Every structure is written in C-alpha cells, then in structure tokens.
Amino acid sequence: MPTIIELSNSKVQMFAGDHVPPHFHLRGPNSNAMVRLDTLTVMRGKAHRRDLEEAIAWARANIDNLLSEWSRLNER
C-alpha cells in the first residue's frame, strides 16, 4: 500500500484495486480508519482526533492529488 504522506503521528495510504467509494486509509498507533475523498469523513474505523484533524486539513489542501492517485491506483 503506497504511503501518500507521513504526518506527525500517522500515515495517509491508498490500496491499489481497492473498493469504492474513493477513500484513503489513515494509519497510526492510535488510528486505523478509512476516509472518503468526496466528504472527507470517516467511513469505517476510528482515528485519534488530532490525527484525523491533521489528515483532513492536509487532504483538503491536496484533494486533487488524492483523487488523481486514487484514479491511477484503481483503474477499472
């Protein structure tokens, strides 16, 4: 699973050939969640509040890159 970015206490990652809706995985010692790209909300799992806030802020600023990477990894 490619790591898109390492944040202060977690990583934003994406799987190739993953299921829809488009999302990223937030992984860290206190976080294991899937975050939808269209709403930037947790669709499954749990994340530490600070980890999630940092990831969402980063994702908002980089949404075009995330959508592009999702498309590249999940061509159908």
N, C-alpha and C. Protein backbone atom coordinates (compact mmCIF):
# COMPACT_ATOMS: atom_id res chain seq x y z
N MET A 1 0.86 -1.16 0.00
CA MET A 1 0.00 0.00 0.00
C MET A 1 0.90 1.22 0.00
N PRO A 2 0.81 2.04 -1.03
CA PRO A 2 1.65 3.24 -1.07
C PRO A 2 1.27 4.24 0.02
N THR A 3 2.30 4.75 0.66
CA THR A 3 2.10 5.84 1.61
C THR A 3 2.13 7.13 0.82
N ILE A 4 1.06 7.89 0.92
CA ILE A 4 0.96 9.16 0.21
C ILE A 4 1.75 10.22 0.97
N ILE A 5 1.58 10.25 2.29
CA ILE A 5 2.32 11.20 3.12
C ILE A 5 2.39 10.66 4.55
N GLU A 6 3.49 10.95 5.20
CA GLU A 6 3.64 10.67 6.63
C GLU A 6 3.40 11.97 7.37
N LEU A 7 2.40 11.96 8.22
CA LEU A 7 2.07 13.11 9.03
C LEU A 7 2.78 12.98 10.38
N SER A 8 2.47 13.84 11.32
CA SER A 8 3.22 13.82 12.58
C SER A 8 3.08 12.52 13.36
N ASN A 9 1.90 11.87 13.32
CA ASN A 9 1.71 10.64 14.10
C ASN A 9 0.94 9.58 13.32
N SER A 10 0.79 9.77 12.02
CA SER A 10 0.03 8.81 11.21
C SER A 10 0.47 8.91 9.75
N LYS A 11 -0.08 8.00 8.95
CA LYS A 11 0.21 7.97 7.52
C LYS A 11 -1.10 7.98 6.75
N VAL A 12 -1.09 8.64 5.60
CA VAL A 12 -2.19 8.58 4.65
C VAL A 12 -1.74 7.58 3.58
N GLN A 13 -2.54 6.52 3.39
CA GLN A 13 -2.18 5.47 2.45
C GLN A 13 -3.37 5.13 1.55
N MET A 14 -3.06 4.51 0.39
CA MET A 14 -4.10 4.02 -0.54
C MET A 14 -3.70 2.66 -1.05
N PHE A 15 -4.70 1.79 -1.20
CA PHE A 15 -4.51 0.47 -1.80
C PHE A 15 -4.76 0.55 -3.30
N ALA A 16 -4.03 -0.24 -4.06
CA ALA A 16 -4.35 -0.44 -5.48
C ALA A 16 -5.49 -1.44 -5.56
N GLY A 17 -6.40 -1.24 -6.49
CA GLY A 17 -7.52 -2.16 -6.68
C GLY A 17 -8.49 -2.17 -5.53
N ASP A 18 -8.61 -1.08 -4.81
CA ASP A 18 -9.47 -1.01 -3.63
C ASP A 18 -10.92 -0.79 -4.05
N HIS A 19 -11.82 -0.97 -3.10
CA HIS A 19 -13.26 -0.83 -3.35
C HIS A 19 -13.68 0.63 -3.34
N VAL A 20 -14.82 0.90 -3.95
CA VAL A 20 -15.40 2.24 -3.91
C VAL A 20 -16.23 2.38 -2.65
N PRO A 21 -16.51 3.58 -2.21
CA PRO A 21 -16.17 4.87 -2.80
C PRO A 21 -14.68 5.19 -2.62
N PRO A 22 -14.18 6.11 -3.44
CA PRO A 22 -12.78 6.52 -3.30
C PRO A 22 -12.49 6.99 -1.87
N HIS A 23 -11.37 6.53 -1.33
CA HIS A 23 -11.03 6.83 0.06
C HIS A 23 -9.54 6.65 0.28
N PHE A 24 -9.09 7.11 1.43
CA PHE A 24 -7.73 6.81 1.86
C PHE A 24 -7.78 6.17 3.24
N HIS A 25 -6.70 5.51 3.58
CA HIS A 25 -6.56 4.87 4.88
C HIS A 25 -5.68 5.76 5.75
N LEU A 26 -6.11 5.99 6.96
CA LEU A 26 -5.33 6.74 7.93
C LEU A 26 -4.83 5.74 8.95
N ARG A 27 -3.52 5.54 9.01
CA ARG A 27 -2.93 4.53 9.88
C ARG A 27 -1.93 5.16 10.82
N GLY A 28 -1.99 4.76 12.05
CA GLY A 28 -1.04 5.23 13.05
C GLY A 28 -1.23 4.44 14.33
N PRO A 29 -0.44 4.73 15.35
CA PRO A 29 -0.54 3.97 16.59
C PRO A 29 -1.92 4.08 17.24
N ASN A 30 -2.61 5.19 17.02
CA ASN A 30 -3.92 5.41 17.62
C ASN A 30 -5.03 5.55 16.58
N SER A 31 -4.71 5.24 15.33
CA SER A 31 -5.67 5.46 14.25
C SER A 31 -5.64 4.32 13.24
N ASN A 32 -6.81 3.89 12.85
CA ASN A 32 -6.97 2.91 11.78
C ASN A 32 -8.36 3.18 11.20
N ALA A 33 -8.41 4.05 10.20
CA ALA A 33 -9.69 4.48 9.65
C ALA A 33 -9.61 4.64 8.15
N MET A 34 -10.77 4.58 7.51
CA MET A 34 -10.90 4.87 6.09
C MET A 34 -11.69 6.17 5.97
N VAL A 35 -11.17 7.10 5.14
CA VAL A 35 -11.77 8.42 4.99
C VAL A 35 -12.19 8.62 3.54
N ARG A 36 -13.47 8.90 3.34
CA ARG A 36 -14.00 9.13 1.99
C ARG A 36 -13.38 10.39 1.40
N LEU A 37 -13.07 10.35 0.12
CA LEU A 37 -12.50 11.52 -0.53
C LEU A 37 -13.55 12.58 -0.86
N ASP A 38 -14.79 12.17 -1.13
CA ASP A 38 -15.80 13.15 -1.52
C ASP A 38 -16.31 13.99 -0.35
N THR A 39 -16.32 13.43 0.85
CA THR A 39 -16.85 14.16 2.01
C THR A 39 -15.80 14.40 3.09
N LEU A 40 -14.65 13.72 2.98
CA LEU A 40 -13.59 13.77 3.99
C LEU A 40 -14.13 13.44 5.37
N THR A 41 -14.94 12.37 5.41
CA THR A 41 -15.47 11.86 6.66
C THR A 41 -15.05 10.40 6.82
N VAL A 42 -14.99 9.96 8.06
CA VAL A 42 -14.62 8.58 8.35
C VAL A 42 -15.77 7.67 7.93
N MET A 43 -15.47 6.70 7.07
CA MET A 43 -16.49 5.75 6.64
C MET A 43 -16.38 4.43 7.39
N ARG A 44 -15.23 4.18 8.00
CA ARG A 44 -15.04 2.95 8.77
C ARG A 44 -13.82 3.12 9.67
N GLY A 45 -13.88 2.54 10.83
CA GLY A 45 -12.75 2.58 11.74
C GLY A 45 -12.80 3.78 12.67
N LYS A 46 -11.70 3.96 13.35
CA LYS A 46 -11.59 5.06 14.31
C LYS A 46 -10.23 5.72 14.17
N ALA A 47 -10.21 7.00 14.48
CA ALA A 47 -8.95 7.76 14.42
C ALA A 47 -8.87 8.69 15.62
N HIS A 48 -7.68 8.84 16.12
CA HIS A 48 -7.43 9.81 17.17
C HIS A 48 -7.78 11.20 16.62
N ARG A 49 -8.43 12.00 17.42
CA ARG A 49 -8.93 13.31 16.97
C ARG A 49 -7.84 14.15 16.32
N ARG A 50 -6.67 14.25 16.94
CA ARG A 50 -5.59 15.06 16.37
C ARG A 50 -5.09 14.50 15.05
N ASP A 51 -4.97 13.17 14.97
CA ASP A 51 -4.53 12.55 13.72
C ASP A 51 -5.52 12.83 12.61
N LEU A 52 -6.81 12.69 12.92
CA LEU A 52 -7.84 12.91 11.92
C LEU A 52 -7.89 14.37 11.48
N GLU A 53 -7.81 15.29 12.41
CA GLU A 53 -7.82 16.72 12.05
C GLU A 53 -6.65 17.08 11.15
N GLU A 54 -5.47 16.55 11.46
CA GLU A 54 -4.30 16.83 10.64
C GLU A 54 -4.46 16.22 9.24
N ALA A 55 -4.96 15.00 9.18
CA ALA A 55 -5.14 14.34 7.88
C ALA A 55 -6.19 15.05 7.04
N ILE A 56 -7.29 15.46 7.64
CA ILE A 56 -8.35 16.15 6.90
C ILE A 56 -7.84 17.49 6.38
N ALA A 57 -7.13 18.23 7.20
CA ALA A 57 -6.57 19.52 6.76
C ALA A 57 -5.62 19.31 5.58
N TRP A 58 -4.76 18.28 5.68
CA TRP A 58 -3.85 18.00 4.59
C TRP A 58 -4.62 17.57 3.34
N ALA A 59 -5.62 16.71 3.52
CA ALA A 59 -6.40 16.21 2.38
C ALA A 59 -7.14 17.35 1.67
N ARG A 60 -7.72 18.27 2.43
CA ARG A 60 -8.40 19.42 1.81
C ARG A 60 -7.46 20.20 0.90
N ALA A 61 -6.25 20.40 1.36
CA ALA A 61 -5.27 21.16 0.59
C ALA A 61 -4.71 20.38 -0.59
N ASN A 62 -4.90 19.06 -0.58
CA ASN A 62 -4.31 18.19 -1.62
C ASN A 62 -5.33 17.28 -2.27
N ILE A 63 -6.60 17.67 -2.28
CA ILE A 63 -7.65 16.79 -2.78
C ILE A 63 -7.46 16.40 -4.23
N ASP A 64 -7.00 17.32 -5.07
CA ASP A 64 -6.78 16.98 -6.48
C ASP A 64 -5.73 15.89 -6.62
N ASN A 65 -4.66 15.96 -5.84
CA ASN A 65 -3.62 14.93 -5.88
C ASN A 65 -4.16 13.59 -5.38
N LEU A 66 -4.97 13.62 -4.34
CA LEU A 66 -5.54 12.38 -3.81
C LEU A 66 -6.47 11.72 -4.83
N LEU A 67 -7.31 12.51 -5.47
CA LEU A 67 -8.22 11.97 -6.48
C LEU A 67 -7.45 11.40 -7.67
N SER A 68 -6.40 12.08 -8.06
CA SER A 68 -5.56 11.60 -9.15
C SER A 68 -4.88 10.28 -8.78
N GLU A 69 -4.36 10.20 -7.57
CA GLU A 69 -3.70 8.97 -7.12
C GLU A 69 -4.71 7.83 -7.01
N TRP A 70 -5.93 8.12 -6.53
CA TRP A 70 -6.96 7.09 -6.48
C TRP A 70 -7.22 6.55 -7.89
N SER A 71 -7.38 7.45 -8.85
CA SER A 71 -7.64 7.02 -10.23
C SER A 71 -6.48 6.19 -10.79
N ARG A 72 -5.26 6.59 -10.51
CA ARG A 72 -4.10 5.86 -11.01
C ARG A 72 -4.04 4.46 -10.41
N LEU A 73 -4.29 4.35 -9.12
CA LEU A 73 -4.20 3.05 -8.44
C LEU A 73 -5.41 2.14 -8.68
N ASN A 74 -6.53 2.73 -9.09
CA ASN A 74 -7.77 1.96 -9.18
C ASN A 74 -8.41 2.07 -10.56
N GLU A 75 -7.58 2.00 -11.59
CA GLU A 75 -8.13 1.99 -12.95
C GLU A 75 -8.98 0.76 -13.14
N ARG A 76 -10.14 0.94 -13.76
CA ARG A 76 -11.04 -0.20 -13.98
C ARG A 76 -11.43 -0.28 -15.42
